[in-house]
Amino acid sequence: MIKIPEALQKKYSLLLANSDVTPEFYKNFRKWLRYYLDFCQKYQHPYADENSLLLFLDKLQEKNQPADQRAQAQKAVQIYYSGLHQGNEPQADVALSSVAEDGRSFDAEQPVNPWSGAMESLKNEISVRHYSKKTWKAYSLWAQKFRYYVKEKPPDTLNTDDVKEFLTFLAVKKKVSASSQNQAFNALLFFFRHVLKKEFGKIEGVVRAERKPNIPVVLSRQEIDRVIAKMKDPYDLVVKLLYGCGLRLSECMKLRIHCFNFDHQVLTVHDGKGKKDRTVPLPRVLMDDLQRQIDRVINLHEQDLKKGYAGVFMPDRLESKYPNAPKELVWQWFFPAKELTLLPDTGEFRRYHLHETHVQKAIKRAVRTSKILKRASAHTFRHSFASHLLAANQDIRTIQELLGHSSVRTTMIYTHTIASKTVKEARSPLDL
């Protein structure tokens, strides 16, 4: 079992004191942190990686730990995460120079695990293809779960049978959804093909998770207006763009000033899903709201420049080519974050965009207070955009282009929401 360094113990005690955890549970929280660090040390998972926490919680579930204990363990680790970058304390892997009970360093005794190199190669292969951070997070998580399932079997000895057993395990034992199993399959296919330089071959005999028909939740125009009425600025404008332009939440958050063309009433979505660009028409009724938001951004930008900030975060390595771009008005976020972000490495203050979770929480509150009896989320407004256009007899290929779908088959799911109208309009024989 890991012996937690004294400096870390003191810092964690301070974090607990500043949290909402009552003193009677401090001992339990320290216990879970010790178990988590021991788990990371044993399987060589990064201490500060959220994926490590997910794997740790999976391990607790396999050990039949009750849900309330798993929730307590999760909170204990998240409190630890919250203190990783506070002040001038050493970073995670430095602060956690693991020490055995007898005082010896683990690092001096254990050879380098080949999985560490494989995971680094996976990260490089994803980066060189400019895949999104979400793709890296998902693929690395499945690779880590696969690593844990095969009990640290060396990567170069893995074969198709290992993958078959893992996918079957997910469907039979873990009872994952069909989409999760497919994501795991795609992640491991990428891992084998680009990291291990092996081909899968033919995968047969795998128990497939049952894919259930999924009809998207769609709000009526009246319900959408009720939700927007319950929202404050700028979240109401976010929802208007989600519904009015059919944007994904991540696309909406990443909008910059140069994305708007008011002369042609067009919005350009850059680097959407699959790194694809597309254009959508701007709703005429939003012109005044959009202009007011741009005026706010201009004022905020001028204040930031006076404070000597370093600008906004830029995509990829564009800043190395255009060093002054982060401070230019056209590159400013359309929905900027309320606070500047301090970069510990350089000491610079930068502006990030509004965080997705803030919007999601605002939508959840508005849906609840508006008494709408549907499971509405941020993506529901994109579903509603497509369904309402289809109901208005808009060509489905046009809707496909507006949504940025690669295949019209993806867009066809919205025909079910229109077909359901006939079910609603049909009368029960008891009413005849």
Protein backbone atom coordinates (compact mmCIF):
# COMPACT_ATOMS: atom_id res chain seq x y z
CA MET A 1 0.00 0.00 0.00
CA ILE A 2 1.26 3.49 -0.89
CA LYS A 3 2.49 5.76 1.86
CA ILE A 4 1.20 9.23 1.03
CA PRO A 5 3.89 11.92 1.38
CA GLU A 6 3.40 14.21 4.37
CA ALA A 7 3.21 17.34 2.19
CA LEU A 8 0.34 15.83 0.22
CA GLN A 9 -1.44 14.77 3.40
CA LYS A 10 -1.34 18.34 4.70
CA LYS A 11 -2.57 19.77 1.43
CA TYR A 12 -5.40 17.25 1.18
CA SER A 13 -6.45 18.05 4.75
CA LEU A 14 -6.66 21.72 3.76
CA LEU A 15 -8.74 20.83 0.69
CA LEU A 16 -11.13 18.82 2.86
CA ALA A 17 -11.44 21.71 5.31
CA ASN A 18 -12.40 24.05 2.47
CA SER A 19 -14.93 21.59 1.03
CA ASP A 20 -18.48 20.76 2.11
CA VAL A 21 -17.35 17.45 3.64
CA THR A 22 -18.04 17.22 7.37
CA PRO A 23 -15.06 16.34 9.65
CA GLU A 24 -16.55 12.99 10.61
CA PHE A 25 -15.95 11.75 7.04
CA TYR A 26 -12.36 13.02 6.67
CA LYS A 27 -10.95 9.61 7.59
CA ASN A 28 -13.03 7.89 4.90
CA PHE A 29 -11.98 10.40 2.25
CA ARG A 30 -8.29 9.93 3.08
CA LYS A 31 -8.81 6.17 2.83
CA TRP A 32 -10.31 6.47 -0.67
CA LEU A 33 -7.50 8.73 -1.81
CA ARG A 34 -4.96 6.17 -0.59
CA TYR A 35 -6.81 3.37 -2.43
CA TYR A 36 -6.95 5.49 -5.60
CA LEU A 37 -3.23 6.30 -5.51
CA ASP A 38 -2.43 2.65 -4.85
CA PHE A 39 -4.60 1.64 -7.82
CA CYS A 40 -2.81 4.12 -10.10
CA GLN A 41 0.58 2.94 -8.87
CA LYS A 42 -0.26 -0.73 -9.35
CA TYR A 43 -1.57 -0.36 -12.90
CA GLN A 44 0.65 2.61 -13.83
CA HIS A 45 -2.22 4.96 -14.59
CA PRO A 46 -1.61 8.74 -14.48
CA TYR A 47 -2.62 10.16 -11.10
CA ALA A 48 -4.10 13.37 -12.54
CA ASP A 49 -6.02 11.82 -15.46
CA GLU A 50 -9.81 11.68 -15.16
CA ASN A 51 -9.75 8.40 -17.06
CA SER A 52 -7.86 6.89 -14.13
CA LEU A 53 -10.77 7.81 -11.87
CA LEU A 54 -13.25 6.11 -14.20
CA LEU A 55 -11.14 2.96 -14.21
CA PHE A 56 -10.87 3.11 -10.41
CA LEU A 57 -14.66 3.37 -10.09
CA ASP A 58 -15.03 0.38 -12.43
CA LYS A 59 -12.71 -1.56 -10.16
CA LEU A 60 -14.82 -0.65 -7.10
CA GLN A 61 -17.96 -1.78 -8.92
CA GLU A 62 -16.33 -5.12 -9.72
CA LYS A 63 -15.54 -5.43 -6.01
CA ASN A 64 -19.29 -4.96 -5.34
CA GLN A 65 -18.81 -1.67 -3.50
CA PRO A 66 -22.22 -0.01 -2.86
CA ALA A 67 -23.20 2.99 -4.96
CA ASP A 68 -22.92 5.40 -2.01
CA GLN A 69 -19.36 4.23 -1.32
CA ARG A 70 -18.41 4.63 -4.98
CA ALA A 71 -19.88 8.14 -4.92
CA GLN A 72 -17.85 8.97 -1.81
CA ALA A 73 -14.69 7.61 -3.45
CA GLN A 74 -15.35 9.67 -6.57
CA LYS A 75 -15.79 12.84 -4.54
CA ALA A 76 -12.62 12.11 -2.55
CA VAL A 77 -10.55 11.88 -5.74
CA GLN A 78 -12.22 14.92 -7.30
CA ILE A 79 -11.29 16.98 -4.24
CA TYR A 80 -7.72 15.80 -4.76
CA TYR A 81 -7.92 16.87 -8.43
CA SER A 82 -9.13 20.33 -7.42
CA GLY A 83 -5.90 21.00 -5.58
CA LEU A 84 -3.45 19.83 -8.23
CA HIS A 85 -2.87 23.24 -9.78
CA GLN A 86 -3.50 25.53 -6.84
CA GLY A 87 -0.75 27.90 -5.81
CA ASN A 88 2.86 26.82 -6.29
CA GLU A 89 2.45 23.26 -5.13
CA PRO A 90 4.18 20.59 -7.25
CA GLN A 91 2.12 18.95 -9.94
CA ALA A 92 0.42 15.58 -9.54
CA ASP A 93 3.10 13.10 -10.49
CA VAL A 94 5.79 15.09 -8.66
CA ALA A 95 3.77 15.50 -5.47
CA LEU A 96 2.99 11.80 -5.59
CA SER A 97 6.49 10.40 -5.81
CA SER A 98 5.20 7.08 -4.59
CA VAL A 99 6.86 5.65 -1.51
CA ALA A 100 6.40 2.12 -0.21
CA GLU A 101 5.62 1.36 3.39
CA ASP A 102 9.32 0.73 4.07
CA GLY A 103 10.32 4.05 2.49
CA ARG A 104 11.68 2.71 -0.80
CA SER A 105 10.75 4.35 -4.09
CA PHE A 106 8.57 2.27 -6.41
CA ASP A 107 10.09 3.94 -9.45
CA ALA A 108 13.51 2.51 -8.68
CA GLU A 109 12.19 -1.04 -8.55
CA GLN A 110 9.66 -1.32 -11.36
CA PRO A 111 10.68 -1.49 -15.04
CA VAL A 112 8.97 0.75 -17.56
CA ASN A 113 5.65 -0.77 -18.52
CA PRO A 114 5.29 -1.23 -22.31
CA TRP A 115 1.71 0.01 -22.03
CA SER A 116 3.03 3.48 -21.13
CA GLY A 117 4.76 3.69 -24.50
CA ALA A 118 1.68 2.33 -26.27
CA MET A 119 -0.55 4.97 -24.68
CA GLU A 120 1.92 7.70 -25.64
CA SER A 121 1.91 6.40 -29.21
CA LEU A 122 -1.90 6.41 -29.18
CA LYS A 123 -1.89 10.05 -28.13
CA ASN A 124 0.59 10.93 -30.89
CA GLU A 125 -1.40 9.07 -33.56
CA ILE A 126 -4.57 10.92 -32.56
CA SER A 127 -2.77 14.27 -32.45
CA VAL A 128 -1.17 13.88 -35.87
CA ARG A 129 -4.65 13.31 -37.35
CA HIS A 130 -5.99 16.41 -35.55
CA TYR A 131 -8.75 14.45 -33.86
CA SER A 132 -10.65 16.24 -31.12
CA LYS A 133 -9.82 16.05 -27.42
CA LYS A 134 -13.07 14.15 -26.90
CA THR A 135 -11.86 11.45 -29.29
CA TRP A 136 -8.57 11.16 -27.40
CA LYS A 137 -10.42 10.95 -24.09
CA ALA A 138 -12.78 8.23 -25.35
CA TYR A 139 -10.15 6.15 -27.17
CA SER A 140 -7.62 6.34 -24.33
CA LEU A 141 -10.29 5.31 -21.83
CA TRP A 142 -11.23 2.21 -23.84
CA ALA A 143 -7.56 1.35 -24.34
CA GLN A 144 -7.00 1.61 -20.58
CA LYS A 145 -10.06 -0.54 -19.86
CA PHE A 146 -8.84 -3.10 -22.37
CA ARG A 147 -5.40 -3.01 -20.73
CA TYR A 148 -6.97 -3.64 -17.36
CA TYR A 149 -9.14 -6.47 -18.76
CA VAL A 150 -6.18 -8.35 -20.28
CA LYS A 151 -4.29 -7.98 -16.97
CA GLU A 152 -1.35 -5.96 -18.30
CA LYS A 153 -0.68 -8.41 -21.11
CA PRO A 154 2.16 -6.92 -23.23
CA PRO A 155 0.66 -4.93 -26.15
CA ASP A 156 2.74 -6.71 -28.80
CA THR A 157 1.21 -10.07 -27.78
CA LEU A 158 -2.41 -8.93 -28.08
CA ASN A 159 -4.57 -10.61 -30.71
CA THR A 160 -8.08 -10.68 -32.12
CA ASP A 161 -9.28 -13.20 -29.53
CA ASP A 162 -8.50 -10.72 -26.76
CA VAL A 163 -10.68 -8.15 -28.49
CA LYS A 164 -13.53 -10.65 -29.00
CA GLU A 165 -13.51 -11.60 -25.33
CA PHE A 166 -13.42 -7.96 -24.23
CA LEU A 167 -16.33 -6.91 -26.46
CA THR A 168 -18.36 -9.90 -25.30
CA PHE A 169 -17.52 -9.03 -21.69
CA LEU A 170 -18.84 -5.49 -22.26
CA ALA A 171 -22.14 -6.77 -23.65
CA VAL A 172 -22.75 -9.69 -21.27
CA LYS A 173 -21.20 -8.63 -17.97
CA LYS A 174 -21.14 -4.83 -18.13
CA LYS A 175 -24.37 -4.61 -20.18
CA VAL A 176 -23.16 -1.54 -22.05
CA SER A 177 -25.26 0.06 -24.76
CA ALA A 178 -24.74 -0.76 -28.42
CA SER A 179 -23.21 2.66 -29.06
CA SER A 180 -20.68 2.17 -26.23
CA GLN A 181 -19.70 -1.25 -27.55
CA ASN A 182 -19.28 0.17 -31.05
CA GLN A 183 -17.16 3.00 -29.68
CA ALA A 184 -14.98 0.46 -27.86
CA PHE A 185 -14.63 -1.51 -31.10
CA ASN A 186 -13.59 1.59 -33.07
CA ALA A 187 -11.12 2.62 -30.36
CA LEU A 188 -9.45 -0.79 -30.33
CA LEU A 189 -9.45 -0.97 -34.12
CA PHE A 190 -7.57 2.34 -34.17
CA PHE A 191 -5.25 1.12 -31.41
CA PHE A 192 -4.38 -2.11 -33.25
CA ARG A 193 -4.04 -0.53 -36.67
CA HIS A 194 -2.06 2.62 -35.86
CA VAL A 195 -0.28 1.83 -32.58
CA LEU A 196 0.39 -1.91 -32.71
CA LYS A 197 0.60 -1.89 -36.53
CA LYS A 198 -1.65 -4.96 -36.69
CA GLU A 199 -4.85 -5.65 -38.59
CA PHE A 200 -7.92 -6.88 -36.77
CA GLY A 201 -8.85 -9.49 -39.30
CA LYS A 202 -12.41 -10.76 -39.23
CA ILE A 203 -14.24 -10.34 -35.94
CA GLU A 204 -16.84 -13.08 -35.52
CA GLY A 205 -18.62 -14.68 -32.60
CA VAL A 206 -18.90 -11.47 -30.58
CA VAL A 207 -22.04 -11.00 -28.51
CA ARG A 208 -23.44 -7.67 -29.67
CA ALA A 209 -25.19 -5.29 -27.32
CA GLU A 210 -28.77 -4.89 -28.45
CA ARG A 211 -29.35 -1.61 -30.25
CA LYS A 212 -32.66 -0.11 -29.20
CA PRO A 213 -34.56 2.17 -31.55
CA ASN A 214 -33.90 5.73 -30.47
CA ILE A 215 -36.36 8.46 -31.41
CA PRO A 216 -34.94 11.88 -30.50
CA VAL A 217 -36.76 14.13 -28.05
CA VAL A 218 -38.29 17.12 -29.85
CA LEU A 219 -39.80 20.21 -28.28
CA SER A 220 -42.64 22.16 -29.83
CA ARG A 221 -42.09 25.82 -30.72
CA GLN A 222 -44.20 26.84 -27.72
CA GLU A 223 -42.10 24.68 -25.37
CA ILE A 224 -38.89 26.16 -26.74
CA ASP A 225 -40.20 29.69 -26.15
CA ARG A 226 -41.11 28.73 -22.57
CA VAL A 227 -37.60 27.45 -21.91
CA ILE A 228 -35.95 30.53 -23.40
CA ALA A 229 -38.19 32.78 -21.32
CA LYS A 230 -36.77 31.19 -18.16
CA MET A 231 -33.15 31.77 -19.15
CA LYS A 232 -30.86 34.73 -18.47
CA ASP A 233 -28.33 36.38 -20.73
CA PRO A 234 -26.20 35.03 -22.42
CA TYR A 235 -27.66 31.52 -22.05
CA ASP A 236 -30.90 32.49 -23.77
CA LEU A 237 -28.97 33.56 -26.86
CA VAL A 238 -27.03 30.28 -26.80
CA VAL A 239 -30.30 28.32 -26.94
CA LYS A 240 -31.64 30.56 -29.72
CA LEU A 241 -28.57 29.70 -31.81
CA LEU A 242 -28.79 26.00 -30.98
CA TYR A 243 -32.38 25.93 -32.20
CA GLY A 244 -32.19 28.65 -34.87
CA CYS A 245 -29.07 27.27 -36.58
CA GLY A 246 -29.09 23.59 -35.56
CA LEU A 247 -25.70 23.82 -33.83
CA ARG A 248 -24.11 21.31 -31.52
CA LEU A 249 -23.32 22.78 -28.11
CA SER A 250 -19.56 22.48 -28.66
CA GLU A 251 -19.88 24.26 -32.02
CA CYS A 252 -21.83 27.09 -30.45
CA MET A 253 -19.29 27.55 -27.64
CA LYS A 254 -16.39 27.72 -30.12
CA LEU A 255 -17.90 30.48 -32.25
CA ARG A 256 -15.64 33.48 -32.79
CA ILE A 257 -16.39 36.98 -34.06
CA HIS A 258 -15.19 36.20 -37.59
CA CYS A 259 -17.77 33.39 -37.91
CA PHE A 260 -20.59 35.91 -38.42
CA ASN A 261 -21.31 37.48 -41.80
CA PHE A 262 -24.13 39.95 -41.23
CA ASP A 263 -24.06 41.26 -44.81
CA HIS A 264 -25.05 37.86 -46.18
CA GLN A 265 -26.82 36.71 -42.98
CA VAL A 266 -24.66 33.60 -42.82
CA LEU A 267 -22.93 31.84 -39.93
CA THR A 268 -19.83 29.74 -40.69
CA VAL A 269 -19.16 26.83 -38.35
CA HIS A 270 -15.43 26.06 -38.36
CA ASP A 271 -14.00 22.71 -37.29
CA GLY A 272 -17.31 21.06 -36.52
CA LYS A 273 -17.60 17.34 -35.87
CA GLY A 274 -15.09 15.55 -38.07
CA LYS A 275 -13.15 18.84 -38.51
CA LYS A 276 -15.63 19.91 -41.18
CA ASP A 277 -16.74 23.48 -41.95
CA ARG A 278 -20.26 24.39 -42.97
CA THR A 279 -22.46 27.46 -43.33
CA VAL A 280 -25.97 27.98 -42.00
CA PRO A 281 -28.34 30.92 -42.41
CA LEU A 282 -28.60 33.37 -39.53
CA PRO A 283 -32.16 33.87 -38.25
CA ARG A 284 -33.29 37.40 -39.08
CA VAL A 285 -35.04 37.78 -35.73
CA LEU A 286 -31.72 37.36 -33.92
CA MET A 287 -29.83 40.15 -35.70
CA ASP A 288 -30.29 42.70 -32.92
CA ASP A 289 -29.44 40.17 -30.19
CA LEU A 290 -26.31 39.06 -32.04
CA GLN A 291 -25.15 42.64 -32.55
CA ARG A 292 -25.63 43.44 -28.87
CA GLN A 293 -23.55 40.39 -27.95
CA ILE A 294 -20.78 41.50 -30.31
CA ASP A 295 -20.82 44.95 -28.69
CA ARG A 296 -20.33 43.28 -25.29
CA VAL A 297 -17.42 41.27 -26.67
CA ILE A 298 -15.84 44.43 -28.08
CA ASN A 299 -16.09 46.20 -24.72
CA LEU A 300 -14.69 43.19 -22.87
CA HIS A 301 -11.88 42.90 -25.39
CA GLU A 302 -10.88 46.53 -24.89
CA GLN A 303 -10.83 46.04 -21.11
CA ASP A 304 -8.69 42.92 -21.47
CA LEU A 305 -6.19 44.74 -23.69
CA LYS A 306 -5.85 47.52 -21.12
CA LYS A 307 -5.03 44.89 -18.49
CA GLY A 308 -2.32 43.49 -20.73
CA TYR A 309 -3.77 40.02 -21.18
CA ALA A 310 -2.21 37.51 -23.61
CA GLY A 311 -5.32 36.99 -25.74
CA VAL A 312 -7.62 34.06 -26.37
CA PHE A 313 -6.73 30.41 -26.83
CA MET A 314 -6.07 29.58 -30.49
CA PRO A 315 -6.81 26.38 -32.44
CA ASP A 316 -3.96 23.95 -33.11
CA ARG A 317 -0.66 25.82 -33.67
CA LEU A 318 -2.11 28.82 -35.45
CA GLU A 319 -0.57 31.17 -32.88
CA SER A 320 2.94 30.15 -33.88
CA LYS A 321 2.17 31.31 -37.42
CA TYR A 322 0.27 34.45 -36.42
CA PRO A 323 1.63 35.58 -33.00
CA ASN A 324 -0.67 38.62 -32.78
CA ALA A 325 -3.87 36.74 -33.67
CA PRO A 326 -4.91 35.95 -30.05
CA LYS A 327 -5.32 39.69 -29.35
CA GLU A 328 -7.16 40.52 -32.58
CA LEU A 329 -10.87 41.26 -32.31
CA VAL A 330 -11.90 38.83 -35.05
CA TRP A 331 -10.47 35.90 -33.08
CA GLN A 332 -12.29 36.70 -29.84
CA TRP A 333 -14.87 34.21 -28.58
CA PHE A 334 -18.48 35.12 -29.28
CA PHE A 335 -19.41 33.69 -25.87
CA PRO A 336 -16.35 34.52 -23.71
CA ALA A 337 -15.83 33.11 -20.24
CA LYS A 338 -16.52 35.46 -17.35
CA GLU A 339 -13.04 35.09 -15.85
CA LEU A 340 -9.55 35.00 -17.31
CA THR A 341 -7.54 31.79 -17.07
CA LEU A 342 -4.04 31.84 -15.59
CA LEU A 343 -1.46 29.67 -17.34
CA PRO A 344 0.91 28.37 -14.62
CA ASP A 345 3.77 27.70 -17.07
CA THR A 346 3.97 31.24 -18.48
CA GLY A 347 2.10 33.33 -15.91
CA GLU A 348 -0.11 34.70 -18.72
CA PHE A 349 -3.82 35.41 -18.47
CA ARG A 350 -5.93 34.13 -21.36
CA ARG A 351 -9.62 34.19 -22.18
CA TYR A 352 -11.47 30.92 -22.73
CA HIS A 353 -15.00 30.52 -24.06
CA LEU A 354 -18.08 29.93 -21.92
CA HIS A 355 -17.94 26.43 -20.50
CA GLU A 356 -20.40 23.85 -21.81
CA THR A 357 -21.38 22.70 -18.32
CA HIS A 358 -22.60 26.19 -17.40
CA VAL A 359 -24.95 26.17 -20.38
CA GLN A 360 -26.14 22.64 -19.63
CA LYS A 361 -26.96 23.56 -16.04
CA ALA A 362 -28.80 26.70 -17.16
CA ILE A 363 -30.88 24.66 -19.64
CA LYS A 364 -31.65 22.05 -17.00
CA ARG A 365 -32.90 24.74 -14.60
CA ALA A 366 -35.00 26.39 -17.29
CA VAL A 367 -36.59 23.11 -18.37
CA ARG A 368 -37.42 22.26 -14.76
CA THR A 369 -38.92 25.66 -13.92
CA SER A 370 -40.91 25.81 -17.17
CA LYS A 371 -42.65 22.52 -16.18
CA ILE A 372 -41.89 20.81 -19.48
CA LEU A 373 -42.51 17.07 -19.22
CA LYS A 374 -39.73 15.97 -21.57
CA ARG A 375 -36.09 15.00 -21.07
CA ALA A 376 -34.74 18.06 -22.79
CA SER A 377 -31.03 18.87 -23.03
CA ALA A 378 -28.85 21.15 -25.14
CA HIS A 379 -28.92 18.65 -28.03
CA THR A 380 -32.73 18.60 -27.95
CA PHE A 381 -32.76 22.03 -29.64
CA ARG A 382 -30.72 20.66 -32.54
CA HIS A 383 -33.19 17.77 -32.82
CA SER A 384 -36.05 20.28 -32.81
CA PHE A 385 -34.35 22.37 -35.51
CA ALA A 386 -34.19 19.38 -37.88
CA SER A 387 -37.66 18.05 -37.06
CA HIS A 388 -39.38 21.42 -37.50
CA LEU A 389 -37.68 22.00 -40.86
CA LEU A 390 -38.72 18.52 -41.99
CA ALA A 391 -42.29 19.18 -40.85
CA ALA A 392 -42.22 22.37 -42.93
CA ASN A 393 -41.44 20.22 -46.02
CA GLN A 394 -37.78 21.28 -46.22
CA ASP A 395 -35.69 18.96 -48.42
CA ILE A 396 -33.94 16.34 -46.28
CA ARG A 397 -30.65 16.72 -48.18
CA THR A 398 -30.65 20.40 -47.34
CA ILE A 399 -31.24 19.57 -43.68
CA GLN A 400 -28.36 17.10 -43.88
CA GLU A 401 -26.02 19.85 -45.06
CA LEU A 402 -27.24 22.30 -42.42
CA LEU A 403 -26.64 19.72 -39.67
CA GLY A 404 -23.23 18.70 -41.04
CA HIS A 405 -24.11 15.01 -41.30
CA SER A 406 -21.79 12.89 -43.45
CA SER A 407 -24.62 10.58 -44.49
CA VAL A 408 -28.30 11.23 -45.12
CA ARG A 409 -29.02 8.03 -43.18
CA THR A 410 -28.15 9.92 -39.99
CA THR A 411 -30.62 12.66 -40.88
CA MET A 412 -33.34 10.13 -41.66
CA ILE A 413 -33.90 9.53 -37.94
CA TYR A 414 -35.91 12.74 -37.83
CA THR A 415 -38.50 11.25 -40.17
CA HIS A 416 -39.65 9.18 -37.17
CA THR A 417 -40.56 12.32 -35.26
CA ILE A 418 -42.71 13.45 -38.18
CA ALA A 419 -44.27 10.02 -38.66
CA SER A 420 -45.26 10.02 -34.99
CA LYS A 421 -47.76 12.77 -35.79
CA THR A 422 -50.01 10.23 -37.45
CA VAL A 423 -49.94 8.17 -34.24
CA LYS A 424 -50.91 11.20 -32.19
CA GLU A 425 -53.70 12.14 -34.57
CA ALA A 426 -55.15 8.61 -34.66
CA ARG A 427 -58.10 8.02 -32.33
CA SER A 428 -58.59 5.17 -29.90
CA PRO A 429 -61.62 2.94 -30.62
CA LEU A 430 -62.87 3.83 -27.13
CA ASP A 431 -63.25 7.41 -28.29
CA LEU A 432 -65.31 6.54 -31.36
